Structures are given as structure tokens and as C-alpha cells.
Amino acid sequence: MAALRNFHVPLPPNVYDQLRQEAERTNQTATSIVRQAIEYWLKQQKKAEERRQLAEYVEAMAGTTYDLDPDLEAAGIEFMLSQGE
């Protein structure tokens, strides 16, 4: 396991108090809660960046030979329409 590093984050009193209350309520350390929150936020940032990159790629490839095959697209539309009957 890699060595852990400390990161000092000054918090407004109301945020600090809420964090302490949540730590007590859930029987966790405030450090653990903050670590989980940061890890979650970083995952969300990564997902958002991947979605942005995918959308950029899709837009760039639209209408090119890498776009959806017209026959496959027609078959997909036909299938979806047949499912509604």
C-alpha cells in the first residue's frame, strides 16, 4: 500500500459541525467520510470527462465511414417499431 499523504482543508464552522455530526451518526471518522467524498467526486469528474470525450468523438465521426451503417440503422429502427405493436 502506498504511503498516505495528509491534506489540510479549512472548513467553515457549519460544514465542520455537519461533518462531525455525520461522523458521529454513522460511527465513522470524519477523515473517512471526507476521503470517500473526495474519491466519489473524482470518479464523477472522470465519468463526466469520458462522456465529454465520447460526445466529441461521436460528433466528429458523424457522417463519416465510422458512422452507423445505414442498413444496420434501418434494421434497428424496423425492429424497434415492430416491438411497439
C-alpha atoms as a PDB file:
ATOM      1  CA  MET A   1       0.000   0.000   0.000  1.00  0.00           C
ATOM      2  CA  ALA A   2       1.275   3.439  -0.922  1.00  0.00           C
ATOM      3  CA  ALA A   3       2.020   5.843   1.867  1.00  0.00           C
ATOM      4  CA  LEU A   4      -0.874   8.117   2.724  1.00  0.00           C
ATOM      5  CA  ARG A   5      -0.475  11.855   2.500  1.00  0.00           C
ATOM      6  CA  ASN A   6      -2.218  14.442   4.589  1.00  0.00           C
ATOM      7  CA  PHE A   7      -4.134  17.342   3.094  1.00  0.00           C
ATOM      8  CA  HIS A   8      -5.291  20.202   5.287  1.00  0.00           C
ATOM      9  CA  VAL A   9      -8.698  21.633   4.336  1.00  0.00           C
ATOM     10  CA  PRO A  10     -10.019  24.592   6.308  1.00  0.00           C
ATOM     11  CA  LEU A  11     -13.804  24.299   6.616  1.00  0.00           C
ATOM     12  CA  PRO A  12     -16.428  26.867   7.538  1.00  0.00           C
ATOM     13  CA  PRO A  13     -17.814  26.202  11.027  1.00  0.00           C
ATOM     14  CA  ASN A  14     -21.207  24.985   9.761  1.00  0.00           C
ATOM     15  CA  VAL A  15     -19.601  22.476   7.364  1.00  0.00           C
ATOM     16  CA  TYR A  16     -17.234  21.286  10.082  1.00  0.00           C
ATOM     17  CA  ASP A  17     -20.123  20.832  12.519  1.00  0.00           C
ATOM     18  CA  GLN A  18     -22.210  18.926   9.957  1.00  0.00           C
ATOM     19  CA  LEU A  19     -19.253  16.683   9.154  1.00  0.00           C
ATOM     20  CA  ARG A  20     -18.680  15.910  12.825  1.00  0.00           C
ATOM     21  CA  GLN A  21     -22.388  15.192  13.340  1.00  0.00           C
ATOM     22  CA  GLU A  22     -22.444  12.843  10.337  1.00  0.00           C
ATOM     23  CA  ALA A  23     -19.307  11.095  11.561  1.00  0.00           C
ATOM     24  CA  GLU A  24     -20.899  10.538  14.955  1.00  0.00           C
ATOM     25  CA  ARG A  25     -24.224   9.457  13.435  1.00  0.00           C
ATOM     26  CA  THR A  26     -22.597   6.894  11.135  1.00  0.00           C
ATOM     27  CA  ASN A  27     -19.897   5.841  13.587  1.00  0.00           C
ATOM     28  CA  GLN A  28     -17.154   6.749  11.117  1.00  0.00           C
ATOM     29  CA  THR A  29     -14.233   9.098  11.341  1.00  0.00           C
ATOM     30  CA  ALA A  30     -14.573  12.491   9.698  1.00  0.00           C
ATOM     31  CA  THR A  31     -11.404  11.650   7.758  1.00  0.00           C
ATOM     32  CA  SER A  32     -13.029   8.520   6.342  1.00  0.00           C
ATOM     33  CA  ILE A  33     -16.136  10.430   5.267  1.00  0.00           C
ATOM     34  CA  VAL A  34     -14.077  13.150   3.590  1.00  0.00           C
ATOM     35  CA  ARG A  35     -11.868  10.572   1.846  1.00  0.00           C
ATOM     36  CA  GLN A  36     -14.967   8.789   0.496  1.00  0.00           C
ATOM     37  CA  ALA A  37     -16.484  12.080  -0.652  1.00  0.00           C
ATOM     38  CA  ILE A  38     -13.313  13.077  -2.493  1.00  0.00           C
ATOM     39  CA  GLU A  39     -12.981   9.644  -4.128  1.00  0.00           C
ATOM     40  CA  TYR A  40     -16.635   9.812  -5.241  1.00  0.00           C
ATOM     41  CA  TRP A  41     -16.172  13.335  -6.634  1.00  0.00           C
ATOM     42  CA  LEU A  42     -13.055  12.309  -8.542  1.00  0.00           C
ATOM     43  CA  LYS A  43     -14.902   9.324 -10.070  1.00  0.00           C
ATOM     44  CA  GLN A  44     -17.735  11.629 -11.153  1.00  0.00           C
ATOM     45  CA  GLN A  45     -15.238  14.041 -12.712  1.00  0.00           C
ATOM     46  CA  LYS A  46     -13.643  11.164 -14.634  1.00  0.00           C
ATOM     47  CA  LYS A  47     -17.042   9.944 -15.869  1.00  0.00           C
ATOM     48  CA  ALA A  48     -18.001  13.448 -16.974  1.00  0.00           C
ATOM     49  CA  GLU A  49     -14.740  13.797 -18.894  1.00  0.00           C
ATOM     50  CA  GLU A  50     -15.244  10.399 -20.555  1.00  0.00           C
ATOM     51  CA  ARG A  51     -18.795  11.420 -21.581  1.00  0.00           C
ATOM     52  CA  ARG A  52     -17.454  14.699 -22.967  1.00  0.00           C
ATOM     53  CA  GLN A  53     -14.761  12.903 -24.957  1.00  0.00           C
ATOM     54  CA  LEU A  54     -17.251  10.345 -26.280  1.00  0.00           C
ATOM     55  CA  ALA A  55     -19.671  13.061 -27.364  1.00  0.00           C
ATOM     56  CA  GLU A  56     -16.819  14.896 -29.085  1.00  0.00           C
ATOM     57  CA  TYR A  57     -15.802  11.700 -30.900  1.00  0.00           C
ATOM     58  CA  VAL A  58     -19.370  10.890 -31.926  1.00  0.00           C
ATOM     59  CA  GLU A  59     -19.850  14.397 -33.287  1.00  0.00           C
ATOM     60  CA  ALA A  60     -16.561  14.240 -35.200  1.00  0.00           C
ATOM     61  CA  MET A  61     -17.410  10.831 -36.707  1.00  0.00           C
ATOM     62  CA  ALA A  62     -20.989  11.681 -37.703  1.00  0.00           C
ATOM     63  CA  GLY A  63     -21.460  11.271 -41.418  1.00  0.00           C
ATOM     64  CA  THR A  64     -18.105   9.544 -41.921  1.00  0.00           C
ATOM     65  CA  THR A  65     -17.429   5.897 -42.730  1.00  0.00           C
ATOM     66  CA  TYR A  66     -17.201   5.343 -38.959  1.00  0.00           C
ATOM     67  CA  ASP A  67     -20.809   6.436 -38.503  1.00  0.00           C
ATOM     68  CA  LEU A  68     -23.571   3.865 -38.031  1.00  0.00           C
ATOM     69  CA  ASP A  69     -24.048   1.594 -41.008  1.00  0.00           C
ATOM     70  CA  PRO A  70     -27.261   2.707 -42.810  1.00  0.00           C
ATOM     71  CA  ASP A  71     -28.528  -0.874 -43.263  1.00  0.00           C
ATOM     72  CA  LEU A  72     -27.907  -1.680 -39.613  1.00  0.00           C
ATOM     73  CA  GLU A  73     -29.603   1.564 -38.561  1.00  0.00           C
ATOM     74  CA  ALA A  74     -32.659   0.775 -40.725  1.00  0.00           C
ATOM     75  CA  ALA A  75     -32.849  -2.749 -39.308  1.00  0.00           C
ATOM     76  CA  GLY A  76     -32.653  -1.354 -35.770  1.00  0.00           C
ATOM     77  CA  ILE A  77     -35.422   1.139 -36.422  1.00  0.00           C
ATOM     78  CA  GLU A  78     -37.565  -1.553 -38.022  1.00  0.00           C
ATOM     79  CA  PHE A  79     -37.027  -3.818 -35.025  1.00  0.00           C
ATOM     80  CA  MET A  80     -37.882  -1.087 -32.500  1.00  0.00           C
ATOM     81  CA  LEU A  81     -41.050  -0.202 -34.399  1.00  0.00           C
ATOM     82  CA  SER A  82     -42.098  -3.870 -34.512  1.00  0.00           C
ATOM     83  CA  GLN A  83     -41.740  -4.092 -30.709  1.00  0.00           C
ATOM     84  CA  GLY A  84     -44.360  -1.392 -30.216  1.00  0.00           C
ATOM     85  CA  GLU A  85     -47.094  -3.425 -31.929  1.00  0.00           C
END
